[in-house]
Amino acid sequence: MLAALQTGFRPREERITVLIPSRMRLESQWHDLVIHNVSSRGLMAGCDSPPAVGSYVEIRRGTIVIVGRVQWTKGRFFGMRAQDRLSVKALIDEPRLASRPKRSNDDDSVASDRRAERRLAHEAQMARRVERSRTFASMFQFVVLVCVGLTMAGIAAHSVYQMLSASGQQIEAALKTP
């Protein structure tokens, strides 16, 4: 039944979950954003003022430039289909530029820049915290599995010892009787 329903549909491409602070140019203004997941044909990002569905945006991370069209928005998040294929590894490994691209709306208050910088720093801190948490969870899972394995091995060894010692005592008793 399920196979009949899925006929003609391609499976959804795997998304890689990331937290990558980046910059987005929408029309003539630059905005801060964080990329939350990436596939080879698109990405999901979050920012304070997401672009409208159908608009074209340019996202920059270091020297990587991604041009694409917004497919959906929901709250602070939006999904974008990239014009070209994306290299997920290159995007993750790309360092940020030392200086930001110039904003065309520099006449806005300096406070908005400070808020954006604090938000970007906070999101970077959250990304580091998520990575530490993921590492801790992985190590904790390994330790728990090792402890469970050792406990099961101990129980199995004790059971085997009990069975063999009972048989050995019966054999020893049978040899002692004349």
C-alpha atoms as a PDB file:
ATOM      1  CA  MET A   1       0.000   0.000   0.000  1.00  0.00           C
ATOM      2  CA  LEU A   2       2.749   2.453   0.994  1.00  0.00           C
ATOM      3  CA  ALA A   3       4.775   1.566  -2.103  1.00  0.00           C
ATOM      4  CA  ALA A   4       1.743   2.314  -4.270  1.00  0.00           C
ATOM      5  CA  LEU A   5       1.377   5.753  -2.657  1.00  0.00           C
ATOM      6  CA  GLN A   6       5.053   6.578  -3.097  1.00  0.00           C
ATOM      7  CA  THR A   7       5.191   5.712  -6.783  1.00  0.00           C
ATOM      8  CA  GLY A   8       6.476   8.689  -8.716  1.00  0.00           C
ATOM      9  CA  PHE A   9       7.832  10.528  -5.668  1.00  0.00           C
ATOM     10  CA  ARG A  10      11.525  10.981  -5.044  1.00  0.00           C
ATOM     11  CA  PRO A  11      12.739  10.527  -1.481  1.00  0.00           C
ATOM     12  CA  ARG A  12      13.548  13.802   0.247  1.00  0.00           C
ATOM     13  CA  GLU A  13      17.239  14.627   0.221  1.00  0.00           C
ATOM     14  CA  GLU A  14      18.993  14.397   3.570  1.00  0.00           C
ATOM     15  CA  ARG A  15      19.422  17.664   5.442  1.00  0.00           C
ATOM     16  CA  ILE A  16      22.559  18.314   7.475  1.00  0.00           C
ATOM     17  CA  THR A  17      21.768  20.154  10.715  1.00  0.00           C
ATOM     18  CA  VAL A  18      24.181  23.046  11.298  1.00  0.00           C
ATOM     19  CA  LEU A  19      24.297  26.434  13.022  1.00  0.00           C
ATOM     20  CA  ILE A  20      26.276  28.755  10.749  1.00  0.00           C
ATOM     21  CA  PRO A  21      26.129  32.540  11.282  1.00  0.00           C
ATOM     22  CA  SER A  22      26.046  34.266   7.880  1.00  0.00           C
ATOM     23  CA  ARG A  23      24.986  37.446   6.084  1.00  0.00           C
ATOM     24  CA  MET A  24      22.104  37.844   3.644  1.00  0.00           C
ATOM     25  CA  ARG A  25      21.572  40.542   1.056  1.00  0.00           C
ATOM     26  CA  LEU A  26      17.939  41.200   0.326  1.00  0.00           C
ATOM     27  CA  GLU A  27      17.420  43.894  -2.297  1.00  0.00           C
ATOM     28  CA  SER A  28      20.036  46.479  -1.198  1.00  0.00           C
ATOM     29  CA  GLN A  29      20.214  45.697   2.526  1.00  0.00           C
ATOM     30  CA  TRP A  30      22.378  43.289   4.510  1.00  0.00           C
ATOM     31  CA  HIS A  31      20.892  41.203   7.319  1.00  0.00           C
ATOM     32  CA  ASP A  32      22.362  38.773   9.852  1.00  0.00           C
ATOM     33  CA  LEU A  33      21.069  35.221   9.733  1.00  0.00           C
ATOM     34  CA  VAL A  34      21.875  31.732  10.950  1.00  0.00           C
ATOM     35  CA  ILE A  35      21.737  28.728   8.629  1.00  0.00           C
ATOM     36  CA  HIS A  36      20.038  25.845  10.471  1.00  0.00           C
ATOM     37  CA  ASN A  37      20.160  23.014   7.916  1.00  0.00           C
ATOM     38  CA  VAL A  38      21.642  22.464   4.468  1.00  0.00           C
ATOM     39  CA  SER A  39      21.161  20.075   1.590  1.00  0.00           C
ATOM     40  CA  SER A  40      22.863  20.109  -1.798  1.00  0.00           C
ATOM     41  CA  ARG A  41      20.003  22.140  -3.332  1.00  0.00           C
ATOM     42  CA  GLY A  42      18.906  24.463  -0.556  1.00  0.00           C
ATOM     43  CA  LEU A  43      18.917  25.512   3.060  1.00  0.00           C
ATOM     44  CA  MET A  44      16.788  26.635   5.979  1.00  0.00           C
ATOM     45  CA  ALA A  45      17.804  29.810   7.776  1.00  0.00           C
ATOM     46  CA  GLY A  46      16.488  32.078  10.474  1.00  0.00           C
ATOM     47  CA  CYS A  47      16.645  35.858  10.813  1.00  0.00           C
ATOM     48  CA  ASP A  48      14.703  38.724  12.368  1.00  0.00           C
ATOM     49  CA  SER A  49      12.986  39.757   9.150  1.00  0.00           C
ATOM     50  CA  PRO A  50      12.711  36.806   6.755  1.00  0.00           C
ATOM     51  CA  PRO A  51      12.308  37.599   3.057  1.00  0.00           C
ATOM     52  CA  ALA A  52       8.994  37.127   1.286  1.00  0.00           C
ATOM     53  CA  VAL A  53       8.225  33.940  -0.623  1.00  0.00           C
ATOM     54  CA  GLY A  54       9.466  34.229  -4.198  1.00  0.00           C
ATOM     55  CA  SER A  55      12.135  36.837  -3.483  1.00  0.00           C
ATOM     56  CA  TYR A  56      15.743  36.256  -4.492  1.00  0.00           C
ATOM     57  CA  VAL A  57      18.451  36.500  -1.837  1.00  0.00           C
ATOM     58  CA  GLU A  58      22.213  36.288  -1.680  1.00  0.00           C
ATOM     59  CA  ILE A  59      23.775  34.589   1.338  1.00  0.00           C
ATOM     60  CA  ARG A  60      27.459  34.979   2.119  1.00  0.00           C
ATOM     61  CA  ARG A  61      29.633  32.925   4.412  1.00  0.00           C
ATOM     62  CA  GLY A  62      33.299  33.886   4.036  1.00  0.00           C
ATOM     63  CA  THR A  63      34.070  33.627   0.334  1.00  0.00           C
ATOM     64  CA  ILE A  64      31.071  31.399  -0.437  1.00  0.00           C
ATOM     65  CA  VAL A  65      28.132  33.117  -2.110  1.00  0.00           C
ATOM     66  CA  ILE A  66      24.764  31.343  -2.343  1.00  0.00           C
ATOM     67  CA  VAL A  67      22.074  32.805  -4.572  1.00  0.00           C
ATOM     68  CA  GLY A  68      18.599  31.392  -4.408  1.00  0.00           C
ATOM     69  CA  ARG A  69      14.865  31.886  -4.243  1.00  0.00           C
ATOM     70  CA  VAL A  70      12.799  31.780  -1.059  1.00  0.00           C
ATOM     71  CA  GLN A  71      10.337  28.862  -1.178  1.00  0.00           C
ATOM     72  CA  TRP A  72       8.592  29.242   2.191  1.00  0.00           C
ATOM     73  CA  THR A  73       8.585  31.284   5.403  1.00  0.00           C
ATOM     74  CA  LYS A  74       7.319  30.541   8.890  1.00  0.00           C
ATOM     75  CA  GLY A  75       7.969  32.928  11.764  1.00  0.00           C
ATOM     76  CA  ARG A  76      11.681  33.791  11.811  1.00  0.00           C
ATOM     77  CA  PHE A  77      12.585  30.916   9.485  1.00  0.00           C
ATOM     78  CA  PHE A  78      12.600  30.524   5.726  1.00  0.00           C
ATOM     79  CA  GLY A  79      13.565  27.873   3.203  1.00  0.00           C
ATOM     80  CA  MET A  80      15.581  28.719   0.129  1.00  0.00           C
ATOM     81  CA  ARG A  81      16.274  26.737  -3.037  1.00  0.00           C
ATOM     82  CA  ALA A  82      19.783  27.478  -4.270  1.00  0.00           C
ATOM     83  CA  GLN A  83      20.531  28.438  -7.845  1.00  0.00           C
ATOM     84  CA  ASP A  84      23.563  26.110  -7.939  1.00  0.00           C
ATOM     85  CA  ARG A  85      24.451  22.961  -6.062  1.00  0.00           C
ATOM     86  CA  LEU A  86      25.839  23.552  -2.577  1.00  0.00           C
ATOM     87  CA  SER A  87      28.891  21.914  -1.104  1.00  0.00           C
ATOM     88  CA  VAL A  88      27.784  21.251   2.455  1.00  0.00           C
ATOM     89  CA  LYS A  89      31.325  20.468   3.626  1.00  0.00           C
ATOM     90  CA  ALA A  90      32.725  23.658   2.082  1.00  0.00           C
ATOM     91  CA  LEU A  91      30.004  25.722   3.724  1.00  0.00           C
ATOM     92  CA  ILE A  92      30.638  24.191   7.144  1.00  0.00           C
ATOM     93  CA  ASP A  93      34.427  24.531   6.880  1.00  0.00           C
ATOM     94  CA  GLU A  94      34.402  28.094   5.495  1.00  0.00           C
ATOM     95  CA  PRO A  95      35.645  30.693   8.010  1.00  0.00           C
ATOM     96  CA  ARG A  96      33.871  34.004   8.361  1.00  0.00           C
ATOM     97  CA  LEU A  97      35.310  37.115   6.726  1.00  0.00           C
ATOM     98  CA  ALA A  98      37.325  39.440   8.948  1.00  0.00           C
ATOM     99  CA  SER A  99      35.041  42.351   8.043  1.00  0.00           C
ATOM    100  CA  ARG A 100      31.381  42.472   7.124  1.00  0.00           C
ATOM    101  CA  PRO A 101      30.103  43.598   3.756  1.00  0.00           C
ATOM    102  CA  LYS A 102      29.079  47.265   3.844  1.00  0.00           C
ATOM    103  CA  ARG A 103      25.433  47.857   4.636  1.00  0.00           C
ATOM    104  CA  SER A 104      23.578  50.233   2.390  1.00  0.00           C
ATOM    105  CA  ASN A 105      21.354  51.165   5.314  1.00  0.00           C
ATOM    106  CA  ASP A 106      24.248  52.545   7.400  1.00  0.00           C
ATOM    107  CA  ASP A 107      22.162  55.595   8.272  1.00  0.00           C
ATOM    108  CA  ASP A 108      20.184  53.395  10.706  1.00  0.00           C
ATOM    109  CA  SER A 109      21.024  53.725  14.361  1.00  0.00           C
ATOM    110  CA  VAL A 110      24.240  52.232  15.682  1.00  0.00           C
ATOM    111  CA  ALA A 111      22.170  50.440  18.320  1.00  0.00           C
ATOM    112  CA  SER A 112      20.713  48.118  15.697  1.00  0.00           C
ATOM    113  CA  ASP A 113      24.258  47.108  14.705  1.00  0.00           C
ATOM    114  CA  ARG A 114      25.115  46.398  18.330  1.00  0.00           C
ATOM    115  CA  ARG A 115      21.942  44.361  18.767  1.00  0.00           C
ATOM    116  CA  ALA A 116      22.732  42.414  15.615  1.00  0.00           C
ATOM    117  CA  GLU A 117      26.278  41.781  16.829  1.00  0.00           C
ATOM    118  CA  ARG A 118      25.022  40.625  20.243  1.00  0.00           C
ATOM    119  CA  ARG A 119      22.461  38.359  18.569  1.00  0.00           C
ATOM    120  CA  LEU A 120      25.096  36.911  16.256  1.00  0.00           C
ATOM    121  CA  ALA A 121      27.451  36.355  19.212  1.00  0.00           C
ATOM    122  CA  HIS A 122      24.618  34.727  21.148  1.00  0.00           C
ATOM    123  CA  GLU A 123      23.768  32.415  18.241  1.00  0.00           C
ATOM    124  CA  ALA A 124      27.451  31.490  17.859  1.00  0.00           C
ATOM    125  CA  GLN A 125      27.592  30.749  21.587  1.00  0.00           C
ATOM    126  CA  MET A 126      24.477  28.594  21.252  1.00  0.00           C
ATOM    127  CA  ALA A 127      26.076  26.756  18.322  1.00  0.00           C
ATOM    128  CA  ARG A 128      29.139  25.992  20.460  1.00  0.00           C
ATOM    129  CA  ARG A 129      26.888  24.881  23.326  1.00  0.00           C
ATOM    130  CA  VAL A 130      24.940  22.566  21.013  1.00  0.00           C
ATOM    131  CA  GLU A 131      28.196  21.048  19.740  1.00  0.00           C
ATOM    132  CA  ARG A 132      29.488  20.499  23.303  1.00  0.00           C
ATOM    133  CA  SER A 133      26.157  18.963  24.261  1.00  0.00           C
ATOM    134  CA  ARG A 134      26.260  16.653  21.247  1.00  0.00           C
ATOM    135  CA  THR A 135      29.818  15.577  22.140  1.00  0.00           C
ATOM    136  CA  PHE A 136      28.858  14.969  25.776  1.00  0.00           C
ATOM    137  CA  ALA A 137      25.791  12.946  24.739  1.00  0.00           C
ATOM    138  CA  SER A 138      27.919  10.825  22.432  1.00  0.00           C
ATOM    139  CA  MET A 139      30.487  10.118  25.164  1.00  0.00           C
ATOM    140  CA  PHE A 140      27.759   9.415  27.731  1.00  0.00           C
ATOM    141  CA  GLN A 141      26.066   6.986  25.361  1.00  0.00           C
ATOM    142  CA  PHE A 142      29.392   5.183  24.799  1.00  0.00           C
ATOM    143  CA  VAL A 143      30.050   4.897  28.560  1.00  0.00           C
ATOM    144  CA  VAL A 144      26.533   3.578  29.228  1.00  0.00           C
ATOM    145  CA  LEU A 145      26.854   0.977  26.459  1.00  0.00           C
ATOM    146  CA  VAL A 146      30.252  -0.148  27.781  1.00  0.00           C
ATOM    147  CA  CYS A 147      28.842  -0.459  31.334  1.00  0.00           C
ATOM    148  CA  VAL A 148      25.826  -2.432  30.116  1.00  0.00           C
ATOM    149  CA  GLY A 149      28.099  -4.686  28.030  1.00  0.00           C
ATOM    150  CA  LEU A 150      30.441  -5.334  30.950  1.00  0.00           C
ATOM    151  CA  THR A 151      27.502  -6.064  33.261  1.00  0.00           C
ATOM    152  CA  MET A 152      25.991  -8.522  30.775  1.00  0.00           C
ATOM    153  CA  ALA A 153      29.389 -10.179  30.284  1.00  0.00           C
ATOM    154  CA  GLY A 154      29.790 -10.499  34.075  1.00  0.00           C
ATOM    155  CA  ILE A 155      26.338 -12.040  34.464  1.00  0.00           C
ATOM    156  CA  ALA A 156      27.005 -14.479  31.604  1.00  0.00           C
ATOM    157  CA  ALA A 157      30.405 -15.437  33.054  1.00  0.00           C
ATOM    158  CA  HIS A 158      28.885 -16.007  36.500  1.00  0.00           C
ATOM    159  CA  SER A 159      26.114 -18.205  35.034  1.00  0.00           C
ATOM    160  CA  VAL A 160      28.616 -20.275  33.044  1.00  0.00           C
ATOM    161  CA  TYR A 161      30.828 -20.652  36.139  1.00  0.00           C
ATOM    162  CA  GLN A 162      27.862 -21.838  38.229  1.00  0.00           C
ATOM    163  CA  MET A 163      26.850 -24.442  35.624  1.00  0.00           C
ATOM    164  CA  LEU A 164      30.394 -25.741  35.128  1.00  0.00           C
ATOM    165  CA  SER A 165      31.233 -25.833  38.845  1.00  0.00           C
ATOM    166  CA  ALA A 166      28.053 -27.829  39.612  1.00  0.00           C
ATOM    167  CA  SER A 167      28.980 -30.375  36.924  1.00  0.00           C
ATOM    168  CA  GLY A 168      32.582 -30.430  38.126  1.00  0.00           C
ATOM    169  CA  GLN A 169      31.490 -31.102  41.734  1.00  0.00           C
ATOM    170  CA  GLN A 170      29.309 -34.015  40.583  1.00  0.00           C
ATOM    171  CA  ILE A 171      32.207 -35.505  38.622  1.00  0.00           C
ATOM    172  CA  GLU A 172      34.588 -35.018  41.551  1.00  0.00           C
ATOM    173  CA  ALA A 173      32.107 -36.679  43.949  1.00  0.00           C
ATOM    174  CA  ALA A 174      31.635 -39.625  41.562  1.00  0.00           C
ATOM    175  CA  LEU A 175      35.427 -40.154  41.330  1.00  0.00           C
ATOM    176  CA  LYS A 176      35.885 -40.138  45.127  1.00  0.00           C
ATOM    177  CA  THR A 177      33.340 -42.876  45.794  1.00  0.00           C
ATOM    178  CA  PRO A 178      34.840 -46.393  45.612  1.00  0.00           C
END
